[in-house]
Amino acid sequence: MRIGIIRLDKIGDLILTTPALVNLKKIYPESSITAYVSSRNQKVLQGSPYVNQIHVWNWSLDFIQKVRREKFDIVVVFSPTTESYLAAFLSGARVRAGYIYTSRILTRFFSLFMLNKRLMCQVDQKDLEQNPRTVPHEVEQNLALVEKVSGDKTTEKELFIFVPQSEKNWAENQLPGKGWLCVHFSKAWIEGLPDGFLAALIQTLAERKKIFLTCGPDEAFWISKIILPDSVKKFENLSFQQWAALISRADLCLSTNTGAVHLAASQKTPVLAIFESQFFNYHKQRWCPWKVPYAILRKDDIDLMNRILNEVQVLNHAKENISSNMQL
């Protein structure tokens, strides 16, 4: 059995797909699974025992011919876009499956020709504010797609990121002891918030907790402009697995709606997330931290600073409770 999976979007999306990959390998234990991913998220599956090969999708004729020569029995599309559906179609697989948002009319239309197993996602983020209802989590949607393809129930629900022991040892040396709070920086912290908001927040938090800051290469310029207390450790130019190892050392991860939210959840680190106000009721259900204690705040909250400080206090010992429950 040869299985291809396609996830051509961001880091967090692929992290939330890992339970589906674990279940595919469990349902089809003799299968060879090849993951086609994006240049942005390719490091997420590094070292995973549930994937045999990882390739960054390339829209060249030569690459597509190589994909067709794989002769996949099944291709499962976990990124609901026309581009991903086309990739599945071009693979030539006998079974081509994906989930579809009913509100995306053109994508839904093209999926009729490109996929032969479709799972409809009925929730429309545009009208959810006026018509509140339950939204399936991204993990649940991915697992439902695996069940549709296989006909079997999925049993594995945990996020899975492989982190080598060498990176865990490195992170422990960088962040000894307990009591660390991770603040992940993205430009969302400076877009739509008052000047100096993040610097003032970190200054206040640093009086209460040990703080370390992470950021991606695109944010290094912006973080250099923020005046930080001397006690705050700053980490740039990290490998994905180093980033995971550092976050695993934290009692809490504070982030806007980025991949850090889901990476923290994969490491059983509680999360305090700041989401944009647009489609808030949708995103707080669809993309909330999976299976860890968390709080989600609106970025446009007029009392955002105090709410963050209060939630940090509430979640302060949540990780200890996770560890205790895992030992039972």
C-alpha atoms as a PDB file:
ATOM      1  CA  MET A   1       0.000   0.000   0.000  1.00  0.00           C
ATOM      2  CA  ARG A   2       1.423   3.372  -1.050  1.00  0.00           C
ATOM      3  CA  ILE A   3      -0.103   6.469   0.545  1.00  0.00           C
ATOM      4  CA  GLY A   4       0.599  10.116  -0.220  1.00  0.00           C
ATOM      5  CA  ILE A   5      -0.490  12.956   2.009  1.00  0.00           C
ATOM      6  CA  ILE A   6      -0.583  16.599   0.957  1.00  0.00           C
ATOM      7  CA  ARG A   7      -0.362  19.550   3.374  1.00  0.00           C
ATOM      8  CA  LEU A   8       0.905  22.625   1.551  1.00  0.00           C
ATOM      9  CA  ASP A   9       0.210  25.341   4.094  1.00  0.00           C
ATOM     10  CA  LYS A  10       1.760  26.448   7.408  1.00  0.00           C
ATOM     11  CA  ILE A  11       3.598  24.921  10.364  1.00  0.00           C
ATOM     12  CA  GLY A  12       0.598  24.851  12.694  1.00  0.00           C
ATOM     13  CA  ASP A  13      -1.606  23.187  10.077  1.00  0.00           C
ATOM     14  CA  LEU A  14       0.838  20.329   9.641  1.00  0.00           C
ATOM     15  CA  ILE A  15       1.330  19.911  13.399  1.00  0.00           C
ATOM     16  CA  LEU A  16      -2.439  19.470  13.710  1.00  0.00           C
ATOM     17  CA  THR A  17      -2.297  16.811  10.980  1.00  0.00           C
ATOM     18  CA  THR A  18       0.115  14.565  12.894  1.00  0.00           C
ATOM     19  CA  PRO A  19      -2.633  12.568  14.699  1.00  0.00           C
ATOM     20  CA  ALA A  20      -4.079  11.727  11.268  1.00  0.00           C
ATOM     21  CA  LEU A  21      -0.680  10.463  10.129  1.00  0.00           C
ATOM     22  CA  VAL A  22      -0.306   8.310  13.241  1.00  0.00           C
ATOM     23  CA  ASN A  23      -3.721   6.765  12.565  1.00  0.00           C
ATOM     24  CA  LEU A  24      -2.979   6.149   8.880  1.00  0.00           C
ATOM     25  CA  LYS A  25       0.143   4.232   9.871  1.00  0.00           C
ATOM     26  CA  LYS A  26      -1.794   2.284  12.501  1.00  0.00           C
ATOM     27  CA  ILE A  27      -4.644   1.400  10.104  1.00  0.00           C
ATOM     28  CA  TYR A  28      -2.248   0.534   7.265  1.00  0.00           C
ATOM     29  CA  PRO A  29       0.838  -0.760   9.158  1.00  0.00           C
ATOM     30  CA  GLU A  30       2.548  -2.138   6.050  1.00  0.00           C
ATOM     31  CA  SER A  31       2.063   1.040   4.061  1.00  0.00           C
ATOM     32  CA  SER A  32       4.724   3.420   2.801  1.00  0.00           C
ATOM     33  CA  ILE A  33       3.632   7.013   3.506  1.00  0.00           C
ATOM     34  CA  THR A  34       5.067   9.934   1.555  1.00  0.00           C
ATOM     35  CA  ALA A  35       4.339  13.479   2.718  1.00  0.00           C
ATOM     36  CA  TYR A  36       4.196  16.361   0.247  1.00  0.00           C
ATOM     37  CA  VAL A  37       4.560  19.588   2.160  1.00  0.00           C
ATOM     38  CA  SER A  38       5.523  23.249   1.728  1.00  0.00           C
ATOM     39  CA  SER A  39       8.898  24.876   2.202  1.00  0.00           C
ATOM     40  CA  ARG A  40       7.408  26.581   5.297  1.00  0.00           C
ATOM     41  CA  ASN A  41       6.366  23.432   7.149  1.00  0.00           C
ATOM     42  CA  GLN A  42       8.764  20.729   5.923  1.00  0.00           C
ATOM     43  CA  LYS A  43      10.711  20.527   9.234  1.00  0.00           C
ATOM     44  CA  VAL A  44       7.609  19.497  11.212  1.00  0.00           C
ATOM     45  CA  LEU A  45       7.858  15.838  10.150  1.00  0.00           C
ATOM     46  CA  GLN A  46      11.630  15.529  10.474  1.00  0.00           C
ATOM     47  CA  GLY A  47      12.447  12.275  12.273  1.00  0.00           C
ATOM     48  CA  SER A  48       8.815  11.118  12.388  1.00  0.00           C
ATOM     49  CA  PRO A  49       8.462   7.310  12.427  1.00  0.00           C
ATOM     50  CA  TYR A  50       5.039   7.659  10.779  1.00  0.00           C
ATOM     51  CA  VAL A  51       6.310   9.008   7.462  1.00  0.00           C
ATOM     52  CA  ASN A  52       8.697   7.220   5.106  1.00  0.00           C
ATOM     53  CA  GLN A  53       9.537  10.137   2.813  1.00  0.00           C
ATOM     54  CA  ILE A  54       9.107  13.918   2.902  1.00  0.00           C
ATOM     55  CA  HIS A  55       9.148  16.095  -0.228  1.00  0.00           C
ATOM     56  CA  VAL A  56       8.514  19.793  -0.758  1.00  0.00           C
ATOM     57  CA  TRP A  57       5.911  20.076  -3.496  1.00  0.00           C
ATOM     58  CA  ASN A  58       7.281  21.545  -6.711  1.00  0.00           C
ATOM     59  CA  TRP A  59       5.053  22.592  -9.584  1.00  0.00           C
ATOM     60  CA  SER A  60       7.523  21.530 -12.280  1.00  0.00           C
ATOM     61  CA  LEU A  61       6.623  18.942 -14.907  1.00  0.00           C
ATOM     62  CA  ASP A  62       9.609  16.806 -13.894  1.00  0.00           C
ATOM     63  CA  PHE A  63       8.493  16.727 -10.261  1.00  0.00           C
ATOM     64  CA  ILE A  64       4.896  15.833 -11.128  1.00  0.00           C
ATOM     65  CA  GLN A  65       6.130  12.986 -13.334  1.00  0.00           C
ATOM     66  CA  LYS A  66       8.147  11.672 -10.369  1.00  0.00           C
ATOM     67  CA  VAL A  67       5.024  11.815  -8.207  1.00  0.00           C
ATOM     68  CA  ARG A  68       3.042   9.832 -10.784  1.00  0.00           C
ATOM     69  CA  ARG A  69       5.767   7.194 -10.877  1.00  0.00           C
ATOM     70  CA  GLU A  70       5.143   6.594  -7.164  1.00  0.00           C
ATOM     71  CA  LYS A  71       1.849   4.936  -8.216  1.00  0.00           C
ATOM     72  CA  PHE A  72       0.008   5.853  -5.036  1.00  0.00           C
ATOM     73  CA  ASP A  73      -3.016   3.815  -4.045  1.00  0.00           C
ATOM     74  CA  ILE A  74      -4.345   6.637  -1.852  1.00  0.00           C
ATOM     75  CA  VAL A  75      -3.649  10.364  -1.677  1.00  0.00           C
ATOM     76  CA  VAL A  76      -5.193  12.325   1.197  1.00  0.00           C
ATOM     77  CA  VAL A  77      -5.371  16.112   0.964  1.00  0.00           C
ATOM     78  CA  PHE A  78      -5.327  17.836   4.352  1.00  0.00           C
ATOM     79  CA  SER A  79      -5.071  21.401   3.035  1.00  0.00           C
ATOM     80  CA  PRO A  80      -8.467  22.371   1.563  1.00  0.00           C
ATOM     81  CA  THR A  81      -7.307  24.424  -1.417  1.00  0.00           C
ATOM     82  CA  THR A  82      -7.672  24.068  -5.165  1.00  0.00           C
ATOM     83  CA  GLU A  83      -3.874  23.862  -5.464  1.00  0.00           C
ATOM     84  CA  SER A  84      -3.779  20.859  -3.124  1.00  0.00           C
ATOM     85  CA  TYR A  85      -6.689  19.140  -4.866  1.00  0.00           C
ATOM     86  CA  LEU A  86      -4.908  19.595  -8.195  1.00  0.00           C
ATOM     87  CA  ALA A  87      -1.768  18.066  -6.715  1.00  0.00           C
ATOM     88  CA  ALA A  88      -3.792  15.011  -5.692  1.00  0.00           C
ATOM     89  CA  PHE A  89      -5.345  14.740  -9.137  1.00  0.00           C
ATOM     90  CA  LEU A  90      -1.957  14.945 -10.847  1.00  0.00           C
ATOM     91  CA  SER A  91      -0.639  12.137  -8.641  1.00  0.00           C
ATOM     92  CA  GLY A  92      -2.848   9.690 -10.535  1.00  0.00           C
ATOM     93  CA  ALA A  93      -3.843   7.901  -7.310  1.00  0.00           C
ATOM     94  CA  ARG A  94      -6.827   5.583  -7.416  1.00  0.00           C
ATOM     95  CA  VAL A  95      -8.306   7.147  -4.252  1.00  0.00           C
ATOM     96  CA  ARG A  96      -8.033  10.926  -3.900  1.00  0.00           C
ATOM     97  CA  ALA A  97      -9.611  12.301  -0.729  1.00  0.00           C
ATOM     98  CA  GLY A  98      -9.976  15.709   0.875  1.00  0.00           C
ATOM     99  CA  TYR A  99     -12.306  17.834   2.907  1.00  0.00           C
ATOM    100  CA  ILE A 100     -14.196  20.753   1.405  1.00  0.00           C
ATOM    101  CA  TYR A 101     -15.579  23.978   2.862  1.00  0.00           C
ATOM    102  CA  THR A 102     -19.087  24.493   1.525  1.00  0.00           C
ATOM    103  CA  SER A 103     -18.577  28.275   1.512  1.00  0.00           C
ATOM    104  CA  ARG A 104     -15.678  28.087  -0.979  1.00  0.00           C
ATOM    105  CA  ILE A 105     -17.802  27.794  -4.101  1.00  0.00           C
ATOM    106  CA  LEU A 106     -15.085  27.638  -6.778  1.00  0.00           C
ATOM    107  CA  THR A 107     -12.856  25.301  -4.765  1.00  0.00           C
ATOM    108  CA  ARG A 108     -15.852  23.077  -4.092  1.00  0.00           C
ATOM    109  CA  PHE A 109     -16.644  22.998  -7.823  1.00  0.00           C
ATOM    110  CA  PHE A 110     -13.098  22.051  -8.872  1.00  0.00           C
ATOM    111  CA  SER A 111     -12.945  19.369  -6.187  1.00  0.00           C
ATOM    112  CA  LEU A 112     -15.707  17.493  -8.043  1.00  0.00           C
ATOM    113  CA  PHE A 113     -13.219  16.736 -10.839  1.00  0.00           C
ATOM    114  CA  MET A 114     -10.058  16.297  -8.763  1.00  0.00           C
ATOM    115  CA  LEU A 115     -11.203  14.218  -5.789  1.00  0.00           C
ATOM    116  CA  ASN A 116     -13.326  11.074  -5.635  1.00  0.00           C
ATOM    117  CA  LYS A 117     -13.775  10.996  -1.846  1.00  0.00           C
ATOM    118  CA  ARG A 118     -14.949  14.262  -0.322  1.00  0.00           C
ATOM    119  CA  LEU A 119     -15.800  15.214   3.244  1.00  0.00           C
ATOM    120  CA  MET A 120     -17.927  18.347   3.521  1.00  0.00           C
ATOM    121  CA  CYS A 121     -17.174  20.878   6.256  1.00  0.00           C
ATOM    122  CA  GLN A 122     -20.422  22.767   6.768  1.00  0.00           C
ATOM    123  CA  VAL A 123     -19.274  25.602   9.027  1.00  0.00           C
ATOM    124  CA  ASP A 124     -18.846  28.996   7.359  1.00  0.00           C
ATOM    125  CA  GLN A 125     -16.620  31.368   9.308  1.00  0.00           C
ATOM    126  CA  LYS A 126     -18.258  34.380   7.685  1.00  0.00           C
ATOM    127  CA  ASP A 127     -21.656  33.959   9.309  1.00  0.00           C
ATOM    128  CA  LEU A 128     -20.601  32.229  12.532  1.00  0.00           C
ATOM    129  CA  GLU A 129     -20.620  35.522  14.429  1.00  0.00           C
ATOM    130  CA  GLN A 130     -24.346  35.907  13.719  1.00  0.00           C
ATOM    131  CA  ASN A 131     -25.245  32.209  13.983  1.00  0.00           C
ATOM    132  CA  PRO A 132     -23.152  30.631  16.765  1.00  0.00           C
ATOM    133  CA  ARG A 133     -22.686  26.888  16.581  1.00  0.00           C
ATOM    134  CA  THR A 134     -20.089  24.222  17.245  1.00  0.00           C
ATOM    135  CA  VAL A 135     -17.074  24.100  14.956  1.00  0.00           C
ATOM    136  CA  PRO A 136     -15.002  20.913  14.593  1.00  0.00           C
ATOM    137  CA  HIS A 137     -11.370  21.320  15.581  1.00  0.00           C
ATOM    138  CA  GLU A 138      -8.840  20.977  12.770  1.00  0.00           C
ATOM    139  CA  VAL A 139      -7.543  17.765  14.389  1.00  0.00           C
ATOM    140  CA  GLU A 140     -11.080  16.328  14.458  1.00  0.00           C
ATOM    141  CA  GLN A 141     -11.658  17.277  10.812  1.00  0.00           C
ATOM    142  CA  ASN A 142      -8.424  15.562   9.775  1.00  0.00           C
ATOM    143  CA  LEU A 143      -9.295  12.415  11.723  1.00  0.00           C
ATOM    144  CA  ALA A 144     -12.771  12.352  10.162  1.00  0.00           C
ATOM    145  CA  LEU A 145     -11.129  12.411   6.739  1.00  0.00           C
ATOM    146  CA  VAL A 146      -8.933   9.425   7.649  1.00  0.00           C
ATOM    147  CA  GLU A 147     -12.064   7.553   8.770  1.00  0.00           C
ATOM    148  CA  LYS A 148     -13.799   8.333   5.487  1.00  0.00           C
ATOM    149  CA  VAL A 149     -10.853   6.985   3.506  1.00  0.00           C
ATOM    150  CA  SER A 150     -10.254   3.867   5.580  1.00  0.00           C
ATOM    151  CA  GLY A 151     -13.686   3.017   6.961  1.00  0.00           C
ATOM    152  CA  ASP A 152     -12.014   2.476  10.368  1.00  0.00           C
ATOM    153  CA  LYS A 153     -12.319   4.442  13.594  1.00  0.00           C
ATOM    154  CA  THR A 154      -9.346   6.562  14.582  1.00  0.00           C
ATOM    155  CA  THR A 155      -8.012   5.982  18.090  1.00  0.00           C
ATOM    156  CA  GLU A 156      -4.831   8.057  18.344  1.00  0.00           C
ATOM    157  CA  LYS A 157      -5.551  11.688  19.215  1.00  0.00           C
ATOM    158  CA  GLU A 158      -2.219  13.130  20.372  1.00  0.00           C
ATOM    159  CA  LEU A 159      -0.046  15.579  18.431  1.00  0.00           C
ATOM    160  CA  PHE A 160       3.348  14.121  17.635  1.00  0.00           C
ATOM    161  CA  ILE A 161       6.613  15.974  17.033  1.00  0.00           C
ATOM    162  CA  PHE A 162       9.904  14.086  17.197  1.00  0.00           C
ATOM    163  CA  VAL A 163      12.523  15.876  19.312  1.00  0.00           C
ATOM    164  CA  PRO A 164      15.962  14.190  19.634  1.00  0.00           C
ATOM    165  CA  GLN A 165      17.340  13.734  23.139  1.00  0.00           C
ATOM    166  CA  SER A 166      20.371  15.817  22.134  1.00  0.00           C
ATOM    167  CA  GLU A 167      18.112  18.831  21.540  1.00  0.00           C
ATOM    168  CA  LYS A 168      16.296  18.248  24.828  1.00  0.00           C
ATOM    169  CA  ASN A 169      19.658  18.223  26.614  1.00  0.00           C
ATOM    170  CA  TRP A 170      20.668  21.429  24.826  1.00  0.00           C
ATOM    171  CA  ALA A 171      17.416  23.138  25.836  1.00  0.00           C
ATOM    172  CA  GLU A 172      17.855  22.078  29.460  1.00  0.00           C
ATOM    173  CA  ASN A 173      21.306  23.666  29.475  1.00  0.00           C
ATOM    174  CA  GLN A 174      19.897  26.856  27.985  1.00  0.00           C
ATOM    175  CA  LEU A 175      16.912  26.999  30.352  1.00  0.00           C
ATOM    176  CA  PRO A 176      17.860  25.278  33.618  1.00  0.00           C
ATOM    177  CA  GLY A 177      15.326  24.691  36.352  1.00  0.00           C
ATOM    178  CA  LYS A 178      11.608  25.450  36.258  1.00  0.00           C
ATOM    179  CA  GLY A 179       9.412  28.536  36.113  1.00  0.00           C
ATOM    180  CA  TRP A 180      10.067  29.621  32.508  1.00  0.00           C
ATOM    181  CA  LEU A 181       7.535  31.496  30.383  1.00  0.00           C
ATOM    182  CA  CYS A 182       7.973  31.482  26.605  1.00  0.00           C
ATOM    183  CA  VAL A 183       6.873  34.541  24.631  1.00  0.00           C
ATOM    184  CA  HIS A 184       6.842  33.842  20.905  1.00  0.00           C
ATOM    185  CA  PHE A 185       7.209  36.984  18.840  1.00  0.00           C
ATOM    186  CA  SER A 186       5.397  37.618  15.577  1.00  0.00           C
ATOM    187  CA  LYS A 187       4.593  40.902  13.858  1.00  0.00           C
ATOM    188  CA  ALA A 188       1.019  40.572  15.124  1.00  0.00           C
ATOM    189  CA  TRP A 189       2.347  41.875  18.463  1.00  0.00           C
ATOM    190  CA  ILE A 190       3.113  45.241  16.867  1.00  0.00           C
ATOM    191  CA  GLU A 191       0.303  45.423  14.321  1.00  0.00           C
ATOM    192  CA  GLY A 192      -2.888  46.894  15.776  1.00  0.00           C
ATOM    193  CA  LEU A 193      -1.546  47.184  19.324  1.00  0.00           C
ATOM    194  CA  PRO A 194      -0.272  50.382  20.998  1.00  0.00           C
ATOM    195  CA  ASP A 195       3.384  51.291  20.550  1.00  0.00           C
ATOM    196  CA  GLY A 196       5.452  49.692  23.258  1.00  0.00           C
ATOM    197  CA  PHE A 197       2.722  47.230  24.278  1.00  0.00           C
ATOM    198  CA  LEU A 198       4.872  44.115  23.999  1.00  0.00           C
ATOM    199  CA  ALA A 199       7.900  45.728  25.669  1.00  0.00           C
ATOM    200  CA  ALA A 200       5.739  46.859  28.595  1.00  0.00           C
ATOM    201  CA  LEU A 201       4.122  43.420  28.842  1.00  0.00           C
ATOM    202  CA  ILE A 202       7.465  41.607  28.901  1.00  0.00           C
ATOM    203  CA  GLN A 203       8.838  44.064  31.457  1.00  0.00           C
ATOM    204  CA  THR A 204       5.905  43.343  33.768  1.00  0.00           C
ATOM    205  CA  LEU A 205       6.041  39.578  33.217  1.00  0.00           C
ATOM    206  CA  ALA A 206       9.796  39.536  33.842  1.00  0.00           C
ATOM    207  CA  GLU A 207       9.130  40.800  37.352  1.00  0.00           C
ATOM    208  CA  ARG A 208       7.074  37.666  38.028  1.00  0.00           C
ATOM    209  CA  LYS A 209       8.545  34.885  35.854  1.00  0.00           C
ATOM    210  CA  LYS A 210      11.701  33.821  34.063  1.00  0.00           C
ATOM    211  CA  ILE A 211      11.120  34.836  30.442  1.00  0.00           C
ATOM    212  CA  PHE A 212      12.574  33.651  27.166  1.00  0.00           C
ATOM    213  CA  LEU A 213      11.675  34.963  23.750  1.00  0.00           C
ATOM    214  CA  THR A 214      11.612  33.055  20.453  1.00  0.00           C
ATOM    215  CA  CYS A 215      11.153  34.375  16.950  1.00  0.00           C
ATOM    216  CA  GLY A 216      11.555  33.269  13.358  1.00  0.00           C
ATOM    217  CA  PRO A 217      14.096  34.661  10.867  1.00  0.00           C
ATOM    218  CA  ASP A 218      11.542  37.069   9.394  1.00  0.00           C
ATOM    219  CA  GLU A 219      10.940  38.655  12.792  1.00  0.00           C
ATOM    220  CA  ALA A 220      14.550  39.086  13.935  1.00  0.00           C
ATOM    221  CA  PHE A 221      14.660  42.664  12.598  1.00  0.00           C
ATOM    222  CA  TRP A 222      11.533  43.675  14.490  1.00  0.00           C
ATOM    223  CA  ILE A 223      12.538  42.059  17.756  1.00  0.00           C
ATOM    224  CA  SER A 224      15.856  43.922  17.634  1.00  0.00           C
ATOM    225  CA  LYS A 225      13.909  47.163  17.994  1.00  0.00           C
ATOM    226  CA  ILE A 226      12.292  46.126  21.279  1.00  0.00           C
ATOM    227  CA  ILE A 227      14.095  47.070  24.487  1.00  0.00           C
ATOM    228  CA  LEU A 228      14.091  43.962  26.678  1.00  0.00           C
ATOM    229  CA  PRO A 229      15.067  43.510  30.322  1.00  0.00           C
ATOM    230  CA  ASP A 230      18.532  42.025  30.750  1.00  0.00           C
ATOM    231  CA  SER A 231      17.021  38.958  32.424  1.00  0.00           C
ATOM    232  CA  VAL A 232      15.081  37.965  29.280  1.00  0.00           C
ATOM    233  CA  LYS A 233      16.764  35.320  27.125  1.00  0.00           C
ATOM    234  CA  LYS A 234      16.313  35.729  23.377  1.00  0.00           C
ATOM    235  CA  PHE A 235      16.571  32.862  20.863  1.00  0.00           C
ATOM    236  CA  GLU A 236      16.841  33.426  17.116  1.00  0.00           C
ATOM    237  CA  ASN A 237      17.839  31.248  14.156  1.00  0.00           C
ATOM    238  CA  LEU A 238      16.608  28.074  15.818  1.00  0.00           C
ATOM    239  CA  SER A 239      16.082  24.767  14.100  1.00  0.00           C
ATOM    240  CA  PHE A 240      12.511  23.508  14.377  1.00  0.00           C
ATOM    241  CA  GLN A 241      13.501  20.810  16.854  1.00  0.00           C
ATOM    242  CA  GLN A 242      15.475  23.271  18.987  1.00  0.00           C
ATOM    243  CA  TRP A 243      12.389  25.475  19.076  1.00  0.00           C
ATOM    244  CA  ALA A 244      10.265  22.520  20.185  1.00  0.00           C
ATOM    245  CA  ALA A 245      12.787  21.561  22.856  1.00  0.00           C
ATOM    246  CA  LEU A 246      12.868  25.098  24.281  1.00  0.00           C
ATOM    247  CA  ILE A 247       9.082  25.368  24.377  1.00  0.00           C
ATOM    248  CA  SER A 248       8.906  22.014  26.161  1.00  0.00           C
ATOM    249  CA  ARG A 249      10.894  23.644  29.012  1.00  0.00           C
ATOM    250  CA  ALA A 250       8.287  26.372  29.535  1.00  0.00           C
ATOM    251  CA  ASP A 251       5.460  26.386  32.064  1.00  0.00           C
ATOM    252  CA  LEU A 252       3.436  28.454  29.591  1.00  0.00           C
ATOM    253  CA  CYS A 253       3.698  29.699  26.012  1.00  0.00           C
ATOM    254  CA  LEU A 254       2.319  33.150  25.188  1.00  0.00           C
ATOM    255  CA  SER A 255       1.785  33.766  21.489  1.00  0.00           C
ATOM    256  CA  THR A 256      -0.429  35.302  18.876  1.00  0.00           C
ATOM    257  CA  ASN A 257      -2.177  32.865  16.515  1.00  0.00           C
ATOM    258  CA  THR A 258       0.955  31.234  15.090  1.00  0.00           C
ATOM    259  CA  GLY A 259       2.483  27.773  14.826  1.00  0.00           C
ATOM    260  CA  ALA A 260       3.955  28.304  18.306  1.00  0.00           C
ATOM    261  CA  VAL A 261       0.471  27.706  19.752  1.00  0.00           C
ATOM    262  CA  HIS A 262       0.320  24.208  18.288  1.00  0.00           C
ATOM    263  CA  LEU A 263       3.979  23.379  18.785  1.00  0.00           C
ATOM    264  CA  ALA A 264       3.536  24.178  22.484  1.00  0.00           C
ATOM    265  CA  ALA A 265       0.472  21.927  22.636  1.00  0.00           C
ATOM    266  CA  SER A 266       2.481  19.111  21.046  1.00  0.00           C
ATOM    267  CA  GLN A 267       4.998  19.441  23.901  1.00  0.00           C
ATOM    268  CA  LYS A 268       2.236  19.486  26.566  1.00  0.00           C
ATOM    269  CA  THR A 269       2.979  23.117  27.384  1.00  0.00           C
ATOM    270  CA  PRO A 270      -0.107  25.200  28.316  1.00  0.00           C
ATOM    271  CA  VAL A 271      -0.883  28.105  26.014  1.00  0.00           C
ATOM    272  CA  LEU A 272      -2.142  31.661  26.309  1.00  0.00           C
ATOM    273  CA  ALA A 273      -3.050  32.750  22.772  1.00  0.00           C
ATOM    274  CA  ILE A 274      -4.010  36.153  21.394  1.00  0.00           C
ATOM    275  CA  PHE A 275      -6.296  35.857  18.366  1.00  0.00           C
ATOM    276  CA  GLU A 276      -7.417  38.540  15.932  1.00  0.00           C
ATOM    277  CA  SER A 277     -10.979  39.798  16.316  1.00  0.00           C
ATOM    278  CA  GLN A 278     -12.034  38.875  12.768  1.00  0.00           C
ATOM    279  CA  PHE A 279     -13.825  35.513  12.786  1.00  0.00           C
ATOM    280  CA  PHE A 280     -12.845  35.129  16.445  1.00  0.00           C
ATOM    281  CA  ASN A 281     -15.649  32.703  17.341  1.00  0.00           C
ATOM    282  CA  TYR A 282     -14.610  30.450  14.470  1.00  0.00           C
ATOM    283  CA  HIS A 283     -10.878  30.489  15.035  1.00  0.00           C
ATOM    284  CA  LYS A 284     -11.042  30.008  18.801  1.00  0.00           C
ATOM    285  CA  GLN A 285     -12.784  26.663  18.173  1.00  0.00           C
ATOM    286  CA  ARG A 286     -11.091  25.532  14.953  1.00  0.00           C
ATOM    287  CA  TRP A 287      -7.527  26.398  15.967  1.00  0.00           C
ATOM    288  CA  CYS A 288      -7.503  26.316  19.765  1.00  0.00           C
ATOM    289  CA  PRO A 289      -4.566  24.560  21.510  1.00  0.00           C
ATOM    290  CA  TRP A 290      -5.169  20.809  21.413  1.00  0.00           C
ATOM    291  CA  LYS A 291      -5.402  18.799  24.640  1.00  0.00           C
ATOM    292  CA  VAL A 292      -3.587  21.257  26.933  1.00  0.00           C
ATOM    293  CA  PRO A 293      -4.861  23.883  29.398  1.00  0.00           C
ATOM    294  CA  TYR A 294      -5.229  27.184  27.562  1.00  0.00           C
ATOM    295  CA  ALA A 295      -6.870  30.578  27.356  1.00  0.00           C
ATOM    296  CA  ILE A 296      -7.631  32.593  24.216  1.00  0.00           C
ATOM    297  CA  LEU A 297      -8.029  36.377  24.290  1.00  0.00           C
ATOM    298  CA  ARG A 298      -9.165  38.828  21.628  1.00  0.00           C
ATOM    299  CA  LYS A 299      -6.493  41.137  20.354  1.00  0.00           C
ATOM    300  CA  ASP A 300      -8.923  44.080  20.346  1.00  0.00           C
ATOM    301  CA  ASP A 301      -9.792  43.663  24.051  1.00  0.00           C
ATOM    302  CA  ILE A 302      -9.464  47.153  25.580  1.00  0.00           C
ATOM    303  CA  ASP A 303      -8.064  45.635  28.776  1.00  0.00           C
ATOM    304  CA  LEU A 304      -5.764  43.166  27.016  1.00  0.00           C
ATOM    305  CA  MET A 305      -2.709  43.832  29.181  1.00  0.00           C
ATOM    306  CA  ASN A 306      -4.479  43.069  32.452  1.00  0.00           C
ATOM    307  CA  ARG A 307      -6.273  40.070  30.976  1.00  0.00           C
ATOM    308  CA  ILE A 308      -2.972  38.587  29.852  1.00  0.00           C
ATOM    309  CA  LEU A 309      -1.431  39.116  33.281  1.00  0.00           C
ATOM    310  CA  ASN A 310      -4.456  37.539  34.972  1.00  0.00           C
ATOM    311  CA  GLU A 311      -4.447  34.497  32.680  1.00  0.00           C
ATOM    312  CA  VAL A 312      -0.718  33.990  33.213  1.00  0.00           C
ATOM    313  CA  GLN A 313      -1.458  33.794  36.920  1.00  0.00           C
ATOM    314  CA  VAL A 314      -4.363  31.372  36.377  1.00  0.00           C
ATOM    315  CA  LEU A 315      -2.301  29.068  34.120  1.00  0.00           C
ATOM    316  CA  ASN A 316       0.842  29.342  36.237  1.00  0.00           C
ATOM    317  CA  HIS A 317       0.711  25.785  37.625  1.00  0.00           C
ATOM    318  CA  ALA A 318      -1.258  24.122  34.804  1.00  0.00           C
ATOM    319  CA  LYS A 319       1.782  22.241  33.494  1.00  0.00           C
ATOM    320  CA  GLU A 320       2.371  20.646  36.895  1.00  0.00           C
ATOM    321  CA  ASN A 321      -1.172  19.286  36.712  1.00  0.00           C
ATOM    322  CA  ILE A 322      -0.513  17.846  33.241  1.00  0.00           C
ATOM    323  CA  SER A 323       2.604  16.081  34.498  1.00  0.00           C
ATOM    324  CA  SER A 324       0.757  14.707  37.517  1.00  0.00           C
ATOM    325  CA  ASN A 325      -2.080  13.346  35.364  1.00  0.00           C
ATOM    326  CA  MET A 326       0.363  11.724  32.915  1.00  0.00           C
ATOM    327  CA  GLN A 327       2.023   9.875  35.792  1.00  0.00           C
ATOM    328  CA  LEU A 328      -1.252   8.439  37.088  1.00  0.00           C
END
